N, C-alpha and C. Protein backbone atom coordinates (compact mmCIF):
# COMPACT_ATOMS: atom_id res chain seq x y z
N UNK A 1 7.63 -9.08 -25.74
CA UNK A 1 6.32 -9.55 -25.35
C UNK A 1 5.42 -8.35 -25.08
N UNK A 2 4.21 -8.41 -25.56
CA UNK A 2 3.23 -7.36 -25.31
C UNK A 2 2.43 -7.75 -24.09
N UNK A 3 2.43 -6.90 -23.10
CA UNK A 3 1.73 -7.22 -21.86
C UNK A 3 0.31 -6.65 -21.90
N UNK A 4 -0.60 -7.38 -21.31
CA UNK A 4 -1.95 -6.89 -21.17
C UNK A 4 -2.81 -7.03 -22.41
N UNK A 5 -2.28 -7.64 -23.46
CA UNK A 5 -3.10 -7.84 -24.65
C UNK A 5 -2.83 -9.22 -25.22
N UNK A 6 -3.80 -9.73 -25.88
CA UNK A 6 -3.70 -11.04 -26.51
C UNK A 6 -3.64 -10.85 -28.02
N UNK A 7 -2.64 -11.43 -28.62
CA UNK A 7 -2.51 -11.33 -30.07
C UNK A 7 -3.02 -12.65 -30.65
N UNK A 8 -3.98 -12.55 -31.54
CA UNK A 8 -4.54 -13.74 -32.16
C UNK A 8 -4.00 -13.88 -33.58
N UNK A 9 -3.34 -14.97 -33.83
CA UNK A 9 -2.81 -15.27 -35.15
C UNK A 9 -3.30 -16.67 -35.51
N UNK A 10 -3.90 -16.80 -36.69
CA UNK A 10 -4.41 -18.11 -37.08
C UNK A 10 -3.59 -18.77 -38.17
N UNK A 11 -2.70 -18.01 -38.81
CA UNK A 11 -1.92 -18.60 -39.88
C UNK A 11 -0.80 -17.71 -40.36
N UNK A 12 0.00 -18.27 -41.23
CA UNK A 12 1.10 -17.54 -41.86
C UNK A 12 1.02 -17.76 -43.37
N UNK A 13 1.48 -16.77 -44.12
CA UNK A 13 1.55 -16.88 -45.58
C UNK A 13 2.98 -16.59 -45.98
N UNK A 14 3.54 -17.50 -46.75
CA UNK A 14 4.88 -17.32 -47.27
C UNK A 14 4.75 -16.81 -48.70
N UNK A 15 5.42 -15.68 -48.99
CA UNK A 15 5.33 -15.08 -50.31
C UNK A 15 6.70 -14.56 -50.72
N UNK A 16 6.75 -13.85 -51.84
CA UNK A 16 8.01 -13.54 -52.49
C UNK A 16 8.81 -12.41 -51.94
N UNK A 17 9.84 -12.42 -52.72
CA UNK A 17 10.52 -13.24 -53.71
C UNK A 17 9.68 -14.44 -54.11
N UNK A 18 10.30 -15.57 -54.09
CA UNK A 18 9.62 -16.83 -54.40
C UNK A 18 9.92 -17.84 -53.29
N UNK A 19 8.94 -18.09 -52.42
CA UNK A 19 9.21 -18.95 -51.26
C UNK A 19 9.53 -20.40 -51.62
N UNK A 20 8.98 -20.93 -52.71
CA UNK A 20 9.22 -22.33 -53.04
C UNK A 20 10.62 -22.57 -53.60
N UNK A 21 11.35 -21.50 -53.84
CA UNK A 21 12.72 -21.59 -54.34
C UNK A 21 13.64 -22.19 -53.26
N UNK A 22 13.29 -21.98 -52.00
CA UNK A 22 14.11 -22.46 -50.89
C UNK A 22 13.35 -23.59 -50.18
N UNK A 23 13.32 -24.74 -50.82
CA UNK A 23 12.48 -25.85 -50.37
C UNK A 23 12.73 -26.24 -48.91
N UNK A 24 13.96 -26.48 -48.55
CA UNK A 24 14.25 -26.96 -47.20
C UNK A 24 13.83 -25.95 -46.14
N UNK A 25 14.13 -24.69 -46.38
CA UNK A 25 13.76 -23.65 -45.41
C UNK A 25 12.24 -23.52 -45.31
N UNK A 26 11.57 -23.54 -46.45
CA UNK A 26 10.11 -23.42 -46.45
C UNK A 26 9.47 -24.61 -45.75
N UNK A 27 9.95 -25.81 -46.01
CA UNK A 27 9.41 -27.00 -45.35
C UNK A 27 9.59 -26.89 -43.84
N UNK A 28 10.76 -26.45 -43.39
CA UNK A 28 11.02 -26.32 -41.95
C UNK A 28 10.11 -25.26 -41.32
N UNK A 29 9.97 -24.13 -41.98
CA UNK A 29 9.11 -23.07 -41.44
C UNK A 29 7.65 -23.49 -41.43
N UNK A 30 7.20 -24.16 -42.49
CA UNK A 30 5.81 -24.63 -42.53
C UNK A 30 5.56 -25.65 -41.44
N UNK A 31 6.51 -26.55 -41.23
CA UNK A 31 6.36 -27.56 -40.17
C UNK A 31 6.30 -26.89 -38.79
N UNK A 32 7.15 -25.90 -38.57
CA UNK A 32 7.13 -25.18 -37.30
C UNK A 32 5.79 -24.47 -37.09
N UNK A 33 5.27 -23.86 -38.14
CA UNK A 33 3.97 -23.18 -38.04
C UNK A 33 2.87 -24.18 -37.73
N UNK A 34 2.88 -25.33 -38.40
CA UNK A 34 1.87 -26.36 -38.16
C UNK A 34 1.93 -26.88 -36.72
N UNK A 35 3.13 -27.03 -36.17
CA UNK A 35 3.25 -27.53 -34.79
C UNK A 35 2.69 -26.51 -33.79
N UNK A 36 2.60 -25.27 -34.21
CA UNK A 36 1.99 -24.22 -33.36
C UNK A 36 0.49 -24.11 -33.61
N UNK A 37 -0.04 -24.97 -34.48
CA UNK A 37 -1.46 -24.95 -34.77
C UNK A 37 -1.89 -23.90 -35.78
N UNK A 38 -0.94 -23.39 -36.54
CA UNK A 38 -1.24 -22.35 -37.51
C UNK A 38 -1.53 -22.93 -38.89
N UNK A 39 -2.43 -22.30 -39.61
CA UNK A 39 -2.64 -22.63 -41.02
C UNK A 39 -1.47 -22.06 -41.81
N UNK A 40 -1.15 -22.70 -42.92
CA UNK A 40 -0.01 -22.27 -43.74
C UNK A 40 -0.50 -21.99 -45.16
N UNK A 41 -0.14 -20.82 -45.66
CA UNK A 41 -0.43 -20.44 -47.03
C UNK A 41 0.85 -20.13 -47.77
N UNK A 42 0.82 -20.34 -49.08
CA UNK A 42 1.96 -20.04 -49.94
C UNK A 42 1.44 -19.28 -51.15
N UNK A 43 2.06 -18.14 -51.43
CA UNK A 43 1.78 -17.39 -52.66
C UNK A 43 2.99 -17.62 -53.55
N UNK A 44 2.76 -18.26 -54.68
CA UNK A 44 3.87 -18.72 -55.50
C UNK A 44 3.68 -18.41 -56.98
N UNK A 45 4.79 -18.36 -57.70
CA UNK A 45 4.72 -18.23 -59.15
C UNK A 45 4.66 -19.60 -59.82
N UNK A 46 4.81 -20.66 -59.05
CA UNK A 46 4.63 -22.01 -59.57
C UNK A 46 5.80 -22.62 -60.30
N UNK A 47 6.96 -22.00 -60.29
CA UNK A 47 8.07 -22.54 -61.07
C UNK A 47 8.83 -23.66 -60.35
N UNK A 48 8.42 -23.99 -59.13
CA UNK A 48 9.04 -25.09 -58.38
C UNK A 48 7.96 -26.09 -57.94
N UNK A 49 7.40 -26.85 -58.90
CA UNK A 49 6.32 -27.76 -58.55
C UNK A 49 6.73 -28.86 -57.56
N UNK A 50 8.01 -29.24 -57.58
CA UNK A 50 8.47 -30.28 -56.64
C UNK A 50 8.34 -29.81 -55.19
N UNK A 51 8.55 -28.52 -54.94
CA UNK A 51 8.38 -27.99 -53.59
C UNK A 51 6.91 -28.01 -53.19
N UNK A 52 6.04 -27.60 -54.10
CA UNK A 52 4.60 -27.66 -53.81
C UNK A 52 4.17 -29.09 -53.54
N UNK A 53 4.66 -30.03 -54.35
CA UNK A 53 4.33 -31.45 -54.15
C UNK A 53 4.73 -31.92 -52.76
N UNK A 54 5.93 -31.55 -52.32
CA UNK A 54 6.40 -31.95 -50.99
C UNK A 54 5.55 -31.34 -49.88
N UNK A 55 5.19 -30.06 -50.03
CA UNK A 55 4.34 -29.41 -49.03
C UNK A 55 2.98 -30.09 -48.94
N UNK A 56 2.40 -30.40 -50.09
CA UNK A 56 1.08 -31.05 -50.11
C UNK A 56 1.17 -32.47 -49.56
N UNK A 57 2.16 -33.23 -50.01
CA UNK A 57 2.30 -34.61 -49.55
C UNK A 57 2.54 -34.69 -48.05
N UNK A 58 3.24 -33.71 -47.51
CA UNK A 58 3.53 -33.68 -46.07
C UNK A 58 2.43 -33.02 -45.25
N UNK A 59 1.37 -32.58 -45.94
CA UNK A 59 0.25 -31.89 -45.27
C UNK A 59 0.72 -30.65 -44.51
N UNK A 60 1.63 -29.91 -45.15
CA UNK A 60 2.18 -28.71 -44.52
C UNK A 60 1.64 -27.41 -45.12
N UNK A 61 0.68 -27.51 -46.04
CA UNK A 61 0.13 -26.30 -46.65
C UNK A 61 -1.39 -26.44 -46.72
N UNK A 62 -2.07 -25.34 -46.39
CA UNK A 62 -3.54 -25.31 -46.41
C UNK A 62 -4.08 -24.49 -47.57
N UNK A 63 -3.30 -23.53 -48.02
CA UNK A 63 -3.76 -22.59 -49.04
C UNK A 63 -2.61 -22.30 -50.01
N UNK A 64 -2.90 -22.42 -51.30
CA UNK A 64 -1.93 -22.02 -52.33
C UNK A 64 -2.58 -20.98 -53.22
N UNK A 65 -1.90 -19.87 -53.40
CA UNK A 65 -2.27 -18.84 -54.37
C UNK A 65 -1.22 -18.90 -55.47
N UNK A 66 -1.65 -19.37 -56.64
CA UNK A 66 -0.74 -19.53 -57.78
C UNK A 66 -0.92 -18.34 -58.71
N UNK A 67 0.14 -17.58 -58.87
CA UNK A 67 0.11 -16.38 -59.71
C UNK A 67 0.45 -16.78 -61.14
N UNK A 68 -0.56 -16.72 -62.01
CA UNK A 68 -0.34 -16.99 -63.44
C UNK A 68 -0.23 -15.63 -64.13
N UNK A 69 0.91 -15.37 -64.71
CA UNK A 69 1.27 -14.03 -65.14
C UNK A 69 0.84 -13.64 -66.55
N UNK A 70 0.56 -14.64 -67.40
CA UNK A 70 0.23 -14.34 -68.79
C UNK A 70 -0.29 -15.60 -69.46
N UNK A 71 -0.76 -15.45 -70.70
CA UNK A 71 -1.09 -16.64 -71.49
C UNK A 71 0.18 -17.44 -71.72
N UNK A 72 0.03 -18.74 -71.88
CA UNK A 72 1.20 -19.62 -72.01
C UNK A 72 2.11 -19.22 -73.17
N UNK A 73 1.54 -18.73 -74.27
CA UNK A 73 2.37 -18.38 -75.43
C UNK A 73 3.30 -17.20 -75.15
N UNK A 74 2.99 -16.38 -74.15
CA UNK A 74 3.84 -15.24 -73.81
C UNK A 74 4.71 -15.49 -72.58
N UNK A 75 4.46 -16.57 -71.88
CA UNK A 75 5.05 -16.77 -70.55
C UNK A 75 6.57 -16.76 -70.53
N UNK A 76 7.19 -17.62 -71.32
CA UNK A 76 8.64 -17.73 -71.27
C UNK A 76 9.33 -16.43 -71.67
N UNK A 77 8.79 -15.74 -72.66
CA UNK A 77 9.36 -14.46 -73.07
C UNK A 77 9.23 -13.42 -71.96
N UNK A 78 8.07 -13.38 -71.33
CA UNK A 78 7.82 -12.42 -70.25
C UNK A 78 8.76 -12.65 -69.08
N UNK A 79 8.96 -13.91 -68.70
CA UNK A 79 9.77 -14.22 -67.52
C UNK A 79 11.23 -14.50 -67.85
N UNK A 80 11.58 -14.41 -69.11
CA UNK A 80 12.97 -14.59 -69.55
C UNK A 80 13.54 -15.95 -69.12
N UNK A 81 12.75 -16.99 -69.32
CA UNK A 81 13.20 -18.34 -69.00
C UNK A 81 12.18 -19.35 -69.47
N UNK A 82 12.50 -20.63 -69.33
CA UNK A 82 11.62 -21.70 -69.77
C UNK A 82 10.81 -22.22 -68.57
N UNK A 83 9.66 -21.58 -68.30
CA UNK A 83 8.89 -21.89 -67.09
C UNK A 83 7.50 -22.47 -67.34
N UNK A 84 7.03 -22.48 -68.56
CA UNK A 84 5.66 -22.89 -68.84
C UNK A 84 5.37 -24.28 -68.28
N UNK A 85 6.22 -25.26 -68.58
CA UNK A 85 5.96 -26.63 -68.13
C UNK A 85 5.85 -26.72 -66.62
N UNK A 86 6.74 -26.05 -65.90
CA UNK A 86 6.71 -26.10 -64.44
C UNK A 86 5.46 -25.45 -63.87
N UNK A 87 5.07 -24.32 -64.42
CA UNK A 87 3.87 -23.64 -63.91
C UNK A 87 2.63 -24.48 -64.23
N UNK A 88 2.59 -25.08 -65.41
CA UNK A 88 1.47 -25.95 -65.74
C UNK A 88 1.43 -27.17 -64.82
N UNK A 89 2.59 -27.72 -64.46
CA UNK A 89 2.64 -28.84 -63.50
C UNK A 89 2.10 -28.39 -62.14
N UNK A 90 2.51 -27.21 -61.70
CA UNK A 90 2.02 -26.69 -60.42
C UNK A 90 0.51 -26.50 -60.44
N UNK A 91 0.00 -25.97 -61.54
CA UNK A 91 -1.43 -25.77 -61.69
C UNK A 91 -2.17 -27.10 -61.61
N UNK A 92 -1.73 -28.09 -62.36
CA UNK A 92 -2.38 -29.40 -62.36
C UNK A 92 -2.28 -30.06 -60.99
N UNK A 93 -1.13 -29.97 -60.37
CA UNK A 93 -0.91 -30.55 -59.05
C UNK A 93 -1.86 -29.94 -58.01
N UNK A 94 -1.93 -28.63 -57.98
CA UNK A 94 -2.77 -27.94 -57.00
C UNK A 94 -4.25 -28.17 -57.27
N UNK A 95 -4.64 -28.17 -58.52
CA UNK A 95 -6.05 -28.46 -58.86
C UNK A 95 -6.44 -29.84 -58.37
N UNK A 96 -5.60 -30.83 -58.64
CA UNK A 96 -5.90 -32.21 -58.23
C UNK A 96 -5.88 -32.34 -56.70
N UNK A 97 -4.92 -31.73 -56.05
CA UNK A 97 -4.85 -31.80 -54.58
C UNK A 97 -6.06 -31.14 -53.95
N UNK A 98 -6.51 -30.03 -54.53
CA UNK A 98 -7.70 -29.34 -54.01
C UNK A 98 -8.94 -30.20 -54.23
N UNK A 99 -9.07 -30.76 -55.42
CA UNK A 99 -10.23 -31.59 -55.75
C UNK A 99 -10.29 -32.82 -54.84
N UNK A 100 -9.15 -33.41 -54.53
CA UNK A 100 -9.11 -34.62 -53.70
C UNK A 100 -9.18 -34.33 -52.21
N UNK A 101 -9.12 -33.05 -51.84
CA UNK A 101 -9.19 -32.69 -50.42
C UNK A 101 -7.84 -32.62 -49.72
N UNK A 102 -6.75 -32.80 -50.45
CA UNK A 102 -5.42 -32.71 -49.84
C UNK A 102 -4.91 -31.28 -49.73
N UNK A 103 -5.59 -30.36 -50.40
CA UNK A 103 -5.26 -28.94 -50.32
C UNK A 103 -6.57 -28.21 -50.09
N UNK A 104 -6.71 -27.65 -48.90
CA UNK A 104 -7.99 -27.06 -48.50
C UNK A 104 -8.42 -25.90 -49.38
N UNK A 105 -7.49 -25.01 -49.72
CA UNK A 105 -7.83 -23.82 -50.50
C UNK A 105 -6.82 -23.65 -51.63
N UNK A 106 -7.36 -23.33 -52.80
CA UNK A 106 -6.50 -23.07 -53.95
C UNK A 106 -7.12 -21.99 -54.81
N UNK A 107 -6.31 -21.02 -55.20
CA UNK A 107 -6.78 -19.95 -56.06
C UNK A 107 -5.71 -19.61 -57.09
N UNK A 108 -6.17 -19.18 -58.24
CA UNK A 108 -5.29 -18.66 -59.28
C UNK A 108 -5.40 -17.14 -59.24
N UNK A 109 -4.26 -16.50 -59.10
CA UNK A 109 -4.20 -15.04 -59.05
C UNK A 109 -3.68 -14.54 -60.39
N UNK A 110 -4.45 -13.65 -61.00
CA UNK A 110 -4.03 -13.04 -62.26
C UNK A 110 -3.74 -11.57 -61.95
N UNK A 111 -2.47 -11.21 -61.96
CA UNK A 111 -2.08 -9.83 -61.71
C UNK A 111 -2.19 -9.07 -63.02
N UNK A 112 -3.07 -8.07 -63.02
CA UNK A 112 -3.42 -7.37 -64.26
C UNK A 112 -2.67 -6.05 -64.42
N UNK A 113 -2.11 -5.89 -65.59
CA UNK A 113 -1.49 -4.63 -65.98
C UNK A 113 -2.21 -4.10 -67.21
N UNK A 114 -2.29 -2.81 -67.29
CA UNK A 114 -2.97 -2.15 -68.40
C UNK A 114 -2.44 -2.68 -69.73
N UNK A 115 -3.37 -3.01 -70.63
CA UNK A 115 -3.00 -3.49 -71.95
C UNK A 115 -3.00 -5.00 -72.11
N UNK A 116 -3.16 -5.75 -71.01
CA UNK A 116 -3.13 -7.21 -71.11
C UNK A 116 -4.42 -7.85 -70.60
N UNK A 117 -5.47 -7.06 -70.51
CA UNK A 117 -6.74 -7.57 -69.99
C UNK A 117 -7.37 -8.61 -70.92
N UNK A 118 -7.00 -8.60 -72.20
CA UNK A 118 -7.57 -9.58 -73.13
C UNK A 118 -7.11 -11.00 -72.83
N UNK A 119 -6.10 -11.16 -72.01
CA UNK A 119 -5.59 -12.48 -71.67
C UNK A 119 -6.40 -13.18 -70.57
N UNK A 120 -7.18 -12.42 -69.81
CA UNK A 120 -7.88 -12.97 -68.64
C UNK A 120 -8.79 -14.15 -68.98
N UNK A 121 -9.65 -14.06 -70.00
CA UNK A 121 -10.52 -15.22 -70.27
C UNK A 121 -9.75 -16.51 -70.56
N UNK A 122 -8.65 -16.41 -71.30
CA UNK A 122 -7.87 -17.61 -71.60
C UNK A 122 -7.19 -18.16 -70.35
N UNK A 123 -6.63 -17.29 -69.53
CA UNK A 123 -5.99 -17.76 -68.29
C UNK A 123 -7.02 -18.41 -67.38
N UNK A 124 -8.18 -17.78 -67.25
CA UNK A 124 -9.24 -18.34 -66.40
C UNK A 124 -9.70 -19.70 -66.93
N UNK A 125 -9.81 -19.83 -68.24
CA UNK A 125 -10.19 -21.11 -68.83
C UNK A 125 -9.13 -22.18 -68.53
N UNK A 126 -7.87 -21.83 -68.70
CA UNK A 126 -6.78 -22.75 -68.42
C UNK A 126 -6.73 -23.14 -66.94
N UNK A 127 -7.12 -22.22 -66.07
CA UNK A 127 -7.10 -22.49 -64.63
C UNK A 127 -8.12 -23.55 -64.26
N UNK A 128 -9.21 -23.61 -65.01
CA UNK A 128 -10.24 -24.60 -64.71
C UNK A 128 -11.19 -24.09 -63.63
N UNK A 129 -11.80 -25.01 -62.96
CA UNK A 129 -12.85 -24.70 -61.99
C UNK A 129 -12.26 -24.43 -60.61
N UNK A 130 -11.44 -23.39 -60.51
CA UNK A 130 -10.87 -22.98 -59.23
C UNK A 130 -11.17 -21.50 -59.02
N UNK A 131 -10.99 -21.04 -57.80
CA UNK A 131 -11.21 -19.63 -57.52
C UNK A 131 -10.23 -18.77 -58.31
N UNK A 132 -10.75 -17.67 -58.85
CA UNK A 132 -9.93 -16.73 -59.62
C UNK A 132 -9.90 -15.41 -58.87
N UNK A 133 -8.71 -14.84 -58.76
CA UNK A 133 -8.52 -13.52 -58.17
C UNK A 133 -7.90 -12.63 -59.24
N UNK A 134 -8.54 -11.50 -59.51
CA UNK A 134 -7.96 -10.49 -60.38
C UNK A 134 -7.31 -9.46 -59.48
N UNK A 135 -6.01 -9.35 -59.57
CA UNK A 135 -5.24 -8.49 -58.69
C UNK A 135 -4.66 -7.31 -59.46
N UNK A 136 -4.81 -6.15 -58.91
CA UNK A 136 -4.33 -4.93 -59.55
C UNK A 136 -2.80 -4.93 -59.57
N UNK A 137 -2.24 -4.91 -60.79
CA UNK A 137 -0.80 -4.81 -60.92
C UNK A 137 -0.37 -3.35 -60.79
N UNK A 138 0.69 -3.14 -60.03
CA UNK A 138 1.17 -1.77 -59.81
C UNK A 138 2.64 -1.72 -60.19
N UNK A 139 2.95 -0.82 -61.08
CA UNK A 139 4.33 -0.58 -61.48
C UNK A 139 4.50 0.92 -61.62
N UNK A 140 5.70 1.39 -61.47
CA UNK A 140 5.94 2.82 -61.54
C UNK A 140 5.75 3.43 -62.91
N UNK A 141 5.74 2.59 -63.96
CA UNK A 141 5.71 3.11 -65.31
C UNK A 141 4.32 3.25 -65.91
N UNK A 142 3.36 2.45 -65.44
CA UNK A 142 2.03 2.42 -66.05
C UNK A 142 0.99 2.65 -64.96
N UNK A 143 0.01 3.50 -65.25
CA UNK A 143 -1.07 3.76 -64.30
C UNK A 143 -1.86 2.46 -64.09
N UNK A 144 -2.08 2.03 -62.83
CA UNK A 144 -2.79 0.77 -62.61
C UNK A 144 -4.26 0.85 -63.03
N UNK A 145 -4.82 -0.30 -63.35
CA UNK A 145 -6.24 -0.39 -63.66
C UNK A 145 -7.05 -0.03 -62.42
N UNK A 146 -8.16 0.62 -62.61
CA UNK A 146 -9.05 0.96 -61.50
C UNK A 146 -9.95 -0.23 -61.17
N UNK A 147 -10.61 -0.15 -60.04
CA UNK A 147 -11.55 -1.20 -59.67
C UNK A 147 -12.66 -1.33 -60.73
N UNK A 148 -13.15 -0.20 -61.22
CA UNK A 148 -14.19 -0.23 -62.26
C UNK A 148 -13.69 -0.92 -63.53
N UNK A 149 -12.47 -0.62 -63.93
CA UNK A 149 -11.91 -1.27 -65.12
C UNK A 149 -11.75 -2.78 -64.89
N UNK A 150 -11.37 -3.16 -63.68
CA UNK A 150 -11.20 -4.58 -63.38
C UNK A 150 -12.55 -5.29 -63.36
N UNK A 151 -13.60 -4.60 -62.93
CA UNK A 151 -14.95 -5.18 -63.00
C UNK A 151 -15.36 -5.39 -64.45
N UNK A 152 -15.01 -4.45 -65.31
CA UNK A 152 -15.31 -4.62 -66.74
C UNK A 152 -14.60 -5.84 -67.31
N UNK A 153 -13.37 -6.06 -66.89
CA UNK A 153 -12.62 -7.25 -67.34
C UNK A 153 -13.29 -8.51 -66.80
N UNK A 154 -13.70 -8.48 -65.55
CA UNK A 154 -14.36 -9.63 -64.93
C UNK A 154 -15.68 -9.96 -65.62
N UNK A 155 -16.31 -8.96 -66.22
CA UNK A 155 -17.57 -9.20 -66.92
C UNK A 155 -17.43 -10.18 -68.07
N UNK A 156 -16.21 -10.39 -68.55
CA UNK A 156 -15.99 -11.33 -69.66
C UNK A 156 -15.95 -12.78 -69.19
N UNK A 157 -16.00 -12.99 -67.89
CA UNK A 157 -15.88 -14.34 -67.34
C UNK A 157 -17.24 -14.89 -66.92
N UNK A 158 -17.46 -16.18 -67.12
CA UNK A 158 -18.75 -16.78 -66.75
C UNK A 158 -18.79 -17.23 -65.29
N UNK A 159 -18.05 -16.57 -64.42
CA UNK A 159 -18.01 -16.95 -63.01
C UNK A 159 -17.73 -15.74 -62.14
N UNK A 160 -18.02 -15.88 -60.87
CA UNK A 160 -17.67 -14.80 -59.95
C UNK A 160 -16.16 -14.87 -59.69
N UNK A 161 -15.59 -13.73 -59.35
CA UNK A 161 -14.16 -13.63 -59.06
C UNK A 161 -13.98 -12.73 -57.85
N UNK A 162 -12.79 -12.77 -57.30
CA UNK A 162 -12.43 -11.78 -56.28
C UNK A 162 -11.53 -10.77 -56.97
N UNK A 163 -11.74 -9.50 -56.66
CA UNK A 163 -10.94 -8.42 -57.23
C UNK A 163 -10.19 -7.75 -56.09
N UNK A 164 -8.88 -7.59 -56.25
CA UNK A 164 -8.04 -6.94 -55.24
C UNK A 164 -7.43 -5.68 -55.83
N UNK A 165 -7.71 -4.54 -55.17
CA UNK A 165 -7.11 -3.27 -55.58
C UNK A 165 -6.61 -2.54 -54.36
N UNK A 166 -5.73 -1.59 -54.58
CA UNK A 166 -5.26 -0.75 -53.46
C UNK A 166 -6.39 0.09 -52.89
N UNK A 167 -7.23 0.64 -53.78
CA UNK A 167 -8.25 1.56 -53.29
C UNK A 167 -9.44 0.86 -52.64
N UNK A 168 -9.76 -0.35 -53.05
CA UNK A 168 -10.95 -1.01 -52.52
C UNK A 168 -10.70 -2.27 -51.73
N UNK A 169 -9.44 -2.68 -51.59
CA UNK A 169 -9.16 -3.94 -50.91
C UNK A 169 -9.63 -5.10 -51.76
N UNK A 170 -10.22 -6.09 -51.12
CA UNK A 170 -10.70 -7.26 -51.84
C UNK A 170 -12.22 -7.30 -51.81
N UNK A 171 -12.81 -7.54 -52.98
CA UNK A 171 -14.26 -7.68 -53.08
C UNK A 171 -14.58 -8.93 -53.88
N UNK A 172 -15.74 -9.50 -53.63
CA UNK A 172 -16.24 -10.58 -54.47
C UNK A 172 -17.11 -9.91 -55.52
N UNK A 173 -16.83 -10.23 -56.78
CA UNK A 173 -17.57 -9.60 -57.88
C UNK A 173 -18.26 -10.66 -58.70
N UNK A 174 -19.54 -10.47 -58.91
CA UNK A 174 -20.34 -11.36 -59.73
C UNK A 174 -20.89 -10.57 -60.90
N UNK A 175 -20.49 -10.90 -62.09
CA UNK A 175 -20.99 -10.22 -63.28
C UNK A 175 -22.38 -10.74 -63.62
N UNK A 176 -23.08 -10.04 -64.49
CA UNK A 176 -24.38 -10.51 -64.97
C UNK A 176 -24.23 -11.88 -65.61
N UNK A 177 -23.15 -12.07 -66.33
CA UNK A 177 -22.89 -13.35 -67.01
C UNK A 177 -22.72 -14.49 -66.00
N UNK A 178 -22.00 -14.24 -64.90
CA UNK A 178 -21.81 -15.30 -63.90
C UNK A 178 -23.11 -15.59 -63.17
N UNK A 179 -23.96 -14.58 -62.95
CA UNK A 179 -25.26 -14.81 -62.29
C UNK A 179 -26.16 -15.65 -63.20
N UNK A 180 -26.13 -15.38 -64.51
CA UNK A 180 -26.93 -16.17 -65.46
C UNK A 180 -26.47 -17.62 -65.46
N UNK A 181 -25.17 -17.84 -65.44
CA UNK A 181 -24.64 -19.21 -65.43
C UNK A 181 -25.01 -19.93 -64.14
N UNK A 182 -25.02 -19.22 -63.03
CA UNK A 182 -25.38 -19.84 -61.75
C UNK A 182 -26.86 -20.27 -61.76
N UNK A 183 -27.71 -19.49 -62.39
CA UNK A 183 -29.13 -19.84 -62.45
C UNK A 183 -29.35 -21.08 -63.34
N UNK A 184 -28.52 -21.26 -64.35
CA UNK A 184 -28.68 -22.40 -65.26
C UNK A 184 -28.33 -23.73 -64.58
N UNK A 185 -27.50 -23.69 -63.57
CA UNK A 185 -27.05 -24.93 -62.91
C UNK A 185 -28.10 -25.52 -62.05
């Protein structure tokens, strides 16, 4: 216990490995957090849609960040398994739950690695009308994209996005194209 200071915590986020892989444990932890009045977030790869469905149906999750790793045609090869259907189910489930008000916050996170930036417009289109986060992918073998490079990638999208990098943290980025689309509405 820390004496003489007050620690303010408003929520918890469960992330990887893959938190939805352990459904019973995640449900118990989310329920415990909710009983303490905490918001619950899950960062997931989406391969366990039944766990997400249970969390949403039980009102145990407030925020889902769904990491879509590639275009669907490359997905199974990239992840060395048959995951496209499950991730697409998770995407549809979370979009509908967010639209209906059963999921307060939902975002699609696209982790970007050098050489795969051409996939972003297709992934964003497949995600639909949800918040998009472009996240800097970091691996020991390839130099990560810079914030400026990620802004250039975001310029191809007709909407504002959030960009997350090590050097700049998280920023909201609005390209000229997204500002033009906002004025048309």
